[in-house]
């Protein structure tokens, strides 16, 4: 029993295949992916929290062809384990702890309101518009740019870089896609290195300035670690948030009762955000590597063995979620794993929640009659689950 991650029918709706796998057991070998996959909530949570199942970065090979891509990941918080992870997280959390989420809260809502106003104008002019183009795509990029202090004129560079780099995480990427990811990585490294050098001379109230200044006694981030952190924030913050908004608005419009419920009850925004993250997970697979002999739900792993947590399968586990295939914007508790768990829990989760809530607030306030204008088009990728077009009208 398995699934084909390239099958369009599976990509359109992977959840029946996940349900069949869950019914058959918590962990299954997957020949096509080349590693076993965990499909229950308990097994996925175990993988994420097991200190014998770590994030061990292996350079993309041939390493000489991917120096910038490997540099970014070799120096990333996400790809580090203690004691290095402990050190990086302490420095990065200290910089984040200077109030950046609260600093940006009202600005994020202002940005979202302006984008929804332009979406409404486009709908009025043309009869329909692509929500990904007008809101879901640009909002996270603009917010991350505000967080990092990227000058307005340079912000159009960020989204293409992110899109190119994250394609490297998909299975079966063709050589031209890998080459594009390396080119984007090299350009991003050069840009952020120059930006960090400028902030060292002329600090501001942005996160780059705080990362440059981050100290713990005599310790500080290296130049490569700072660049790796900034790129991680863009890719994780941008790609996940784009797809929560896109997948989430689609789910709400297909479950009209839940859209109308949110329009009528804005106080449900916090639980709605969590439910949209759970219901159609933007990150479907998260990989770990055994650092010592261990077991996951009875499945034995030796050092060096890889295993994947299928977060989309965990999010629909009936052992944890009542009526898991239903969309319920008031669902509580909601123990989804969308932001990870354990030491790798997403450092940017508070800001992501602010962005998603701001987008939903702007849409339900300005466009309460929003509805689908055409069948949406899904991106042909499995690991990062999202849409390529979501045309709406009002």
Protein backbone atom coordinates (compact mmCIF):
# COMPACT_ATOMS: atom_id res chain seq x y z
CA UNK A 1 0.00 0.00 0.00
CA UNK A 2 1.52 3.31 -1.09
CA UNK A 3 0.86 6.47 -3.09
CA UNK A 4 2.38 8.15 -6.14
CA UNK A 5 3.46 11.71 -5.23
CA UNK A 6 3.38 12.67 -8.94
CA UNK A 7 -0.17 11.43 -9.59
CA UNK A 8 -2.44 14.43 -10.31
CA UNK A 9 -5.41 12.71 -8.65
CA UNK A 10 -3.36 12.17 -5.48
CA UNK A 11 -2.08 15.75 -5.52
CA UNK A 12 -5.64 17.03 -5.88
CA UNK A 13 -6.72 15.15 -2.74
CA UNK A 14 -4.11 13.07 -0.89
CA UNK A 15 -6.23 12.56 2.21
CA UNK A 16 -8.08 9.34 1.23
CA UNK A 17 -4.70 7.68 0.52
CA UNK A 18 -3.42 8.87 3.89
CA UNK A 19 -6.53 7.49 5.63
CA UNK A 20 -5.96 4.07 4.05
CA UNK A 21 -2.34 4.08 5.20
CA UNK A 22 -3.30 5.12 8.75
CA UNK A 23 -5.80 2.27 8.91
CA UNK A 24 -3.05 -0.17 7.93
CA UNK A 25 -0.47 1.03 10.47
CA UNK A 26 1.50 4.02 11.74
CA UNK A 27 4.68 3.70 9.59
CA UNK A 28 5.14 2.37 6.05
CA UNK A 29 8.14 1.95 3.74
CA UNK A 30 7.77 4.00 0.55
CA UNK A 31 9.93 2.75 -2.28
CA UNK A 32 9.30 5.78 -4.50
CA UNK A 33 10.35 8.29 -1.85
CA UNK A 34 13.19 6.07 -0.68
CA UNK A 35 12.32 6.25 3.01
CA UNK A 36 9.60 5.14 5.43
CA UNK A 37 6.71 7.51 6.13
CA UNK A 38 4.82 7.99 9.39
CA UNK A 39 1.11 8.67 8.94
CA UNK A 40 -0.45 8.84 12.40
CA UNK A 41 -0.40 11.90 14.63
CA UNK A 42 1.34 9.99 17.41
CA UNK A 43 4.08 8.64 15.13
CA UNK A 44 4.67 12.04 13.48
CA UNK A 45 4.83 13.78 16.86
CA UNK A 46 7.28 11.13 18.03
CA UNK A 47 9.54 11.79 15.04
CA UNK A 48 9.46 15.55 15.61
CA UNK A 49 10.25 15.24 19.32
CA UNK A 50 12.66 12.27 19.29
CA UNK A 51 16.17 13.55 20.02
CA UNK A 52 17.54 10.42 18.31
CA UNK A 53 15.83 11.54 15.08
CA UNK A 54 17.54 14.76 14.09
CA UNK A 55 17.93 17.22 11.25
CA UNK A 56 21.28 16.23 9.75
CA UNK A 57 22.15 18.28 6.71
CA UNK A 58 23.70 16.41 3.80
CA UNK A 59 25.11 18.62 1.06
CA UNK A 60 23.31 18.49 -2.25
CA UNK A 61 25.57 16.54 -4.59
CA UNK A 62 27.72 17.16 -6.49
CA UNK A 63 28.63 19.70 -3.82
CA UNK A 64 30.79 21.70 -6.23
CA UNK A 65 27.68 22.46 -8.29
CA UNK A 66 25.65 23.76 -5.34
CA UNK A 67 27.95 25.86 -3.12
CA UNK A 68 25.41 28.59 -2.29
CA UNK A 69 22.45 26.23 -1.73
CA UNK A 70 24.58 24.10 0.59
CA UNK A 71 25.96 27.17 2.41
CA UNK A 72 22.43 28.35 3.23
CA UNK A 73 21.37 25.01 4.64
CA UNK A 74 24.62 24.16 6.37
CA UNK A 75 24.17 27.36 8.39
CA UNK A 76 20.41 27.10 8.96
CA UNK A 77 18.76 26.74 12.36
CA UNK A 78 16.39 24.18 10.83
CA UNK A 79 19.24 21.92 9.76
CA UNK A 80 21.17 22.05 13.05
CA UNK A 81 21.11 19.82 16.11
CA UNK A 82 22.33 20.50 19.67
CA UNK A 83 24.67 21.89 20.77
CA UNK A 84 24.81 24.07 17.64
CA UNK A 85 21.03 24.32 17.40
CA UNK A 86 20.85 25.43 21.05
CA UNK A 87 23.36 28.18 20.39
CA UNK A 88 21.69 29.40 17.17
CA UNK A 89 18.19 29.32 18.61
CA UNK A 90 19.31 31.30 21.66
CA UNK A 91 20.83 34.04 19.51
CA UNK A 92 17.95 34.13 16.99
CA UNK A 93 15.22 34.01 19.64
CA UNK A 94 16.95 36.84 21.45
CA UNK A 95 16.77 38.97 18.30
CA UNK A 96 13.14 37.98 17.65
CA UNK A 97 12.33 38.68 21.29
CA UNK A 98 12.81 42.40 20.77
CA UNK A 99 9.12 42.70 19.88
CA UNK A 100 9.16 42.32 16.11
CA UNK A 101 5.78 40.56 15.90
CA UNK A 102 4.05 43.26 17.95
CA UNK A 103 5.96 45.96 16.07
CA UNK A 104 4.54 44.66 12.82
CA UNK A 105 0.99 43.71 13.90
CA UNK A 106 -0.79 46.91 12.84
CA UNK A 107 1.41 47.24 9.74
CA UNK A 108 0.52 43.70 8.64
CA UNK A 109 -3.18 44.49 8.88
CA UNK A 110 -2.62 47.72 6.96
CA UNK A 111 -0.81 45.82 4.19
CA UNK A 112 -3.52 43.14 4.05
CA UNK A 113 -6.29 45.75 3.92
CA UNK A 114 -4.60 47.54 1.03
CA UNK A 115 -4.11 44.30 -0.91
CA UNK A 116 -7.73 43.25 -0.45
CA UNK A 117 -8.84 46.70 -1.59
CA UNK A 118 -6.84 46.16 -4.79
CA UNK A 119 -8.28 42.65 -5.13
CA UNK A 120 -11.78 44.14 -4.85
CA UNK A 121 -10.96 46.74 -7.50
CA UNK A 122 -9.63 44.05 -9.84
CA UNK A 123 -12.80 42.01 -9.36
CA UNK A 124 -14.94 45.06 -10.05
CA UNK A 125 -12.96 45.85 -13.19
CA UNK A 126 -12.68 42.35 -14.66
CA UNK A 127 -15.39 40.31 -12.98
CA UNK A 128 -12.86 38.06 -11.22
CA UNK A 129 -9.25 38.09 -10.02
CA UNK A 130 -6.58 35.70 -8.79
CA UNK A 131 -6.38 35.82 -4.99
CA UNK A 132 -2.85 34.38 -5.11
CA UNK A 133 -1.61 37.28 -7.26
CA UNK A 134 -3.32 40.02 -5.28
CA UNK A 135 -3.08 38.75 -1.68
CA UNK A 136 -1.76 35.28 -0.78
CA UNK A 137 1.47 35.62 -2.77
CA UNK A 138 2.55 39.19 -2.07
CA UNK A 139 1.41 39.52 1.57
CA UNK A 140 3.98 37.19 3.17
CA UNK A 141 6.78 38.58 1.00
CA UNK A 142 5.90 42.13 2.00
CA UNK A 143 5.73 41.18 5.68
CA UNK A 144 9.07 39.34 5.63
CA UNK A 145 10.58 42.31 3.79
CA UNK A 146 9.26 44.62 6.55
CA UNK A 147 10.64 42.25 9.20
CA UNK A 148 14.10 42.11 7.60
CA UNK A 149 14.14 45.76 6.54
CA UNK A 150 14.53 45.05 2.81
CA UNK A 151 14.26 48.31 0.85
CA UNK A 152 11.01 48.67 -1.10
CA UNK A 153 12.77 48.73 -4.49
CA UNK A 154 14.40 45.33 -3.80
CA UNK A 155 11.31 43.46 -2.59
CA UNK A 156 10.29 42.05 -6.01
CA UNK A 157 13.49 39.97 -5.89
CA UNK A 158 12.40 37.92 -2.87
CA UNK A 159 9.48 35.86 -4.15
CA UNK A 160 11.25 34.47 -7.26
CA UNK A 161 14.27 33.54 -5.16
CA UNK A 162 12.11 31.71 -2.63
CA UNK A 163 10.09 29.86 -5.28
CA UNK A 164 13.25 28.67 -7.04
CA UNK A 165 15.05 27.52 -3.88
CA UNK A 166 12.18 25.53 -2.31
CA UNK A 167 11.69 23.45 -5.46
CA UNK A 168 14.88 21.66 -4.41
CA UNK A 169 12.87 20.00 -1.61
CA UNK A 170 10.61 18.17 -4.06
CA UNK A 171 11.28 14.63 -5.21
CA UNK A 172 12.37 14.12 -8.83
CA UNK A 173 13.39 17.73 -9.54
CA UNK A 174 14.85 18.00 -13.08
CA UNK A 175 18.43 19.32 -13.52
CA UNK A 176 17.27 22.72 -14.76
CA UNK A 177 15.22 23.19 -11.58
CA UNK A 178 18.25 22.35 -9.43
CA UNK A 179 20.39 24.79 -11.41
CA UNK A 180 17.78 27.52 -10.94
CA UNK A 181 17.75 26.86 -7.19
CA UNK A 182 21.53 27.27 -7.01
CA UNK A 183 21.42 30.51 -9.03
CA UNK A 184 18.72 31.91 -6.75
CA UNK A 185 20.68 30.84 -3.66
CA UNK A 186 23.85 32.56 -4.89
CA UNK A 187 22.00 35.78 -5.69
CA UNK A 188 20.23 35.73 -2.32
CA UNK A 189 23.48 35.09 -0.41
CA UNK A 190 25.19 38.02 -2.16
CA UNK A 191 22.23 40.33 -1.55
CA UNK A 192 21.82 39.52 2.15
CA UNK A 193 25.55 39.67 2.82
CA UNK A 194 25.60 43.22 1.46
CA UNK A 195 22.44 44.13 3.39
CA UNK A 196 23.89 42.81 6.66
CA UNK A 197 27.10 44.75 6.11
CA UNK A 198 25.05 47.91 5.55
CA UNK A 199 23.05 47.30 8.77
CA UNK A 200 26.25 46.79 10.73
CA UNK A 201 27.20 50.35 9.73
CA UNK A 202 23.67 51.83 9.83
CA UNK A 203 21.44 49.80 12.19
CA UNK A 204 17.67 50.20 12.13
CA UNK A 205 14.66 48.70 13.93
CA UNK A 206 14.56 45.63 11.65
CA UNK A 207 15.44 42.01 12.40
CA UNK A 208 18.62 42.05 10.27
CA UNK A 209 19.98 44.85 12.47
CA UNK A 210 19.10 42.86 15.58
CA UNK A 211 20.67 39.67 14.19
CA UNK A 212 23.85 41.61 13.37
CA UNK A 213 23.90 42.89 16.95
CA UNK A 214 22.84 39.61 18.60
CA UNK A 215 25.25 38.65 21.38
CA UNK A 216 25.37 36.00 24.08
CA UNK A 217 28.45 36.87 26.06
CA UNK A 218 31.23 36.78 23.48
CA UNK A 219 29.20 34.67 21.05
CA UNK A 220 27.48 36.02 17.94
CA UNK A 221 26.14 34.79 14.63
CA UNK A 222 28.68 34.36 11.87
CA UNK A 223 28.03 36.10 8.55
CA UNK A 224 26.97 32.78 6.98
CA UNK A 225 24.66 31.97 9.92
CA UNK A 226 23.00 35.35 9.64
CA UNK A 227 22.39 34.88 5.92
CA UNK A 228 21.13 31.31 6.49
CA UNK A 229 18.71 32.60 9.14
CA UNK A 230 17.33 35.34 6.92
CA UNK A 231 16.79 32.96 4.00
CA UNK A 232 15.12 30.41 6.27
CA UNK A 233 12.71 33.09 7.50
CA UNK A 234 11.82 34.06 3.95
CA UNK A 235 11.35 30.52 2.63
CA UNK A 236 9.58 29.07 5.66
CA UNK A 237 7.56 32.21 6.34
CA UNK A 238 6.70 32.94 2.74
CA UNK A 239 5.97 29.50 1.27
CA UNK A 240 3.96 28.23 4.23
CA UNK A 241 1.89 31.38 4.67
CA UNK A 242 1.12 31.73 0.96
CA UNK A 243 -0.27 28.23 0.94
CA UNK A 244 -2.19 28.46 4.22
CA UNK A 245 -3.99 31.51 2.83
CA UNK A 246 -4.55 29.96 -0.61
CA UNK A 247 -5.54 26.48 0.58
CA UNK A 248 -7.48 27.97 3.48
CA UNK A 249 -9.58 30.43 1.50
CA UNK A 250 -10.37 27.67 -0.99
CA UNK A 251 -11.50 25.41 1.87
CA UNK A 252 -13.67 28.18 3.34
CA UNK A 253 -15.31 28.94 0.00
CA UNK A 254 -16.00 25.24 -0.55
CA UNK A 255 -17.47 25.01 2.96
CA UNK A 256 -19.71 28.04 2.67
CA UNK A 257 -21.20 27.60 6.12
CA UNK A 258 -17.74 28.11 7.62
CA UNK A 259 -17.04 31.20 5.51
CA UNK A 260 -20.37 32.72 6.57
CA UNK A 261 -19.67 31.75 10.17
CA UNK A 262 -16.37 33.65 10.09
CA UNK A 263 -17.98 36.68 8.43
CA UNK A 264 -20.57 36.77 11.20
CA UNK A 265 -18.16 36.04 14.06
CA UNK A 266 -14.72 37.72 13.70
CA UNK A 267 -13.88 36.53 17.21
CA UNK A 268 -13.33 33.09 15.64
CA UNK A 269 -10.28 34.33 13.73
CA UNK A 270 -7.69 32.74 16.09
CA UNK A 271 -9.25 29.27 15.95
CA UNK A 272 -9.94 29.66 12.22
CA UNK A 273 -6.22 30.26 11.59
CA UNK A 274 -5.28 27.05 13.42
CA UNK A 275 -7.97 25.06 11.59
CA UNK A 276 -6.84 26.22 8.16
CA UNK A 277 -3.26 25.19 8.98
CA UNK A 278 -4.55 21.76 10.03
CA UNK A 279 -7.19 21.10 7.38
CA UNK A 280 -4.98 21.31 4.28
CA UNK A 281 -1.37 21.33 5.47
CA UNK A 282 0.97 23.59 3.45
CA UNK A 283 3.96 21.37 4.33
CA UNK A 284 3.04 17.74 3.80
CA UNK A 285 6.33 16.03 4.59
CA UNK A 286 9.12 16.73 7.07
CA UNK A 287 12.22 14.53 7.03
CA UNK A 288 14.45 13.45 9.91
CA UNK A 289 17.56 11.23 10.20
CA UNK A 290 18.35 8.81 13.02
CA UNK A 291 21.42 9.85 14.99
CA UNK A 292 21.30 6.78 17.24
CA UNK A 293 19.41 3.48 17.25
CA UNK A 294 15.75 4.30 17.89
CA UNK A 295 12.21 3.22 17.08
CA UNK A 296 9.22 5.20 15.86
CA UNK A 297 5.87 3.53 16.58
CA UNK A 298 7.73 0.21 16.66
CA UNK A 299 9.62 0.86 13.40
CA UNK A 300 13.36 0.35 13.98
CA UNK A 301 15.88 2.91 12.73
CA UNK A 302 19.66 2.68 12.72
CA UNK A 303 22.01 5.71 12.66
CA UNK A 304 21.83 7.34 9.24
CA UNK A 305 18.37 5.96 8.39
CA UNK A 306 15.91 8.58 7.21
CA UNK A 307 12.21 8.78 8.02
CA UNK A 308 9.49 11.26 7.08
CA UNK A 309 6.57 12.60 9.06
CA UNK A 310 3.57 13.05 6.75
CA UNK A 311 2.12 16.11 8.44
CA UNK A 312 -0.93 16.14 6.18
CA UNK A 313 -1.78 12.59 7.31
CA UNK A 314 -1.23 13.46 10.98
CA UNK A 315 -3.59 16.42 10.61
CA UNK A 316 -6.50 14.17 9.62
CA UNK A 317 -5.95 11.47 12.28
CA UNK A 318 -9.33 10.56 13.86
CA UNK A 319 -7.52 9.41 17.00
CA UNK A 320 -6.80 13.11 17.71
CA UNK A 321 -9.34 15.14 15.71
CA UNK A 322 -13.08 14.59 15.86
CA UNK A 323 -14.54 14.38 12.34
CA UNK A 324 -11.06 15.15 10.93
CA UNK A 325 -12.10 15.68 7.30
CA UNK A 326 -14.57 18.40 8.31
CA UNK A 327 -13.61 22.07 8.34
CA UNK A 328 -14.54 23.56 11.73
CA UNK A 329 -13.23 27.08 12.31
CA UNK A 330 -14.18 26.85 15.98
CA UNK A 331 -12.26 23.60 16.55
CA UNK A 332 -10.64 23.47 19.96
CA UNK A 333 -8.38 21.98 21.06
CA UNK A 334 -6.46 21.77 17.81
CA UNK A 335 -3.22 19.86 18.28
CA UNK A 336 -1.98 20.17 14.69
CA UNK A 337 1.72 19.81 13.92
CA UNK A 338 1.81 22.53 11.26
CA UNK A 339 4.50 24.51 13.06
CA UNK A 340 6.47 21.41 14.03
CA UNK A 341 7.18 20.26 17.58
CA UNK A 342 10.08 19.92 19.96
CA UNK A 343 13.25 21.96 19.56
CA UNK A 344 12.51 22.72 15.90
CA UNK A 345 9.14 24.35 16.60
CA UNK A 346 8.82 27.28 14.19
CA UNK A 347 10.39 30.45 15.61
CA UNK A 348 8.24 32.56 13.27
CA UNK A 349 4.90 30.97 14.23
CA UNK A 350 3.53 34.07 16.04
CA UNK A 351 4.16 36.28 13.01
CA UNK A 352 2.64 33.70 10.64
CA UNK A 353 -0.53 33.65 12.73
CA UNK A 354 -0.73 37.45 12.57
CA UNK A 355 -0.41 37.39 8.76
CA UNK A 356 -3.05 34.73 8.19
CA UNK A 357 -5.49 36.40 10.58
CA UNK A 358 -4.93 39.77 8.89
CA UNK A 359 -5.66 38.29 5.45
CA UNK A 360 -8.85 36.61 6.68
CA UNK A 361 -10.00 39.74 8.54
CA UNK A 362 -9.52 41.90 5.46
CA UNK A 363 -11.30 39.43 3.16
CA UNK A 364 -14.31 38.79 5.39
CA UNK A 365 -14.75 42.49 6.14
CA UNK A 366 -14.25 43.91 2.65
CA UNK A 367 -15.54 41.00 0.54
CA UNK A 368 -18.11 39.05 2.59
CA UNK A 369 -19.73 37.76 -0.61
CA UNK A 370 -16.47 36.28 -1.95
CA UNK A 371 -16.88 33.08 -3.97
CA UNK A 372 -15.01 30.96 -6.48
CA UNK A 373 -15.01 32.23 -10.06
CA UNK A 374 -13.36 29.15 -11.61
CA UNK A 375 -11.98 25.78 -10.65
CA UNK A 376 -8.65 26.44 -8.88
CA UNK A 377 -5.36 25.13 -10.30
CA UNK A 378 -3.05 23.22 -8.00
CA UNK A 379 0.74 23.27 -8.12
CA UNK A 380 2.14 19.89 -9.30
CA UNK A 381 4.22 19.41 -6.14
CA UNK A 382 3.66 17.17 -3.14
CA UNK A 383 5.94 18.31 -0.30
CA UNK A 384 4.88 21.97 -0.43
CA UNK A 385 1.14 21.86 -1.08
CA UNK A 386 -0.40 24.89 -2.71
CA UNK A 387 -2.30 26.41 -5.60
CA UNK A 388 -1.02 28.10 -8.73
CA UNK A 389 -4.29 30.00 -9.32
CA UNK A 390 -7.37 30.82 -7.24
CA UNK A 391 -9.77 33.01 -9.18
CA UNK A 392 -12.48 34.60 -7.06
CA UNK A 393 -15.37 36.98 -7.55
CA UNK A 394 -17.76 38.80 -5.25
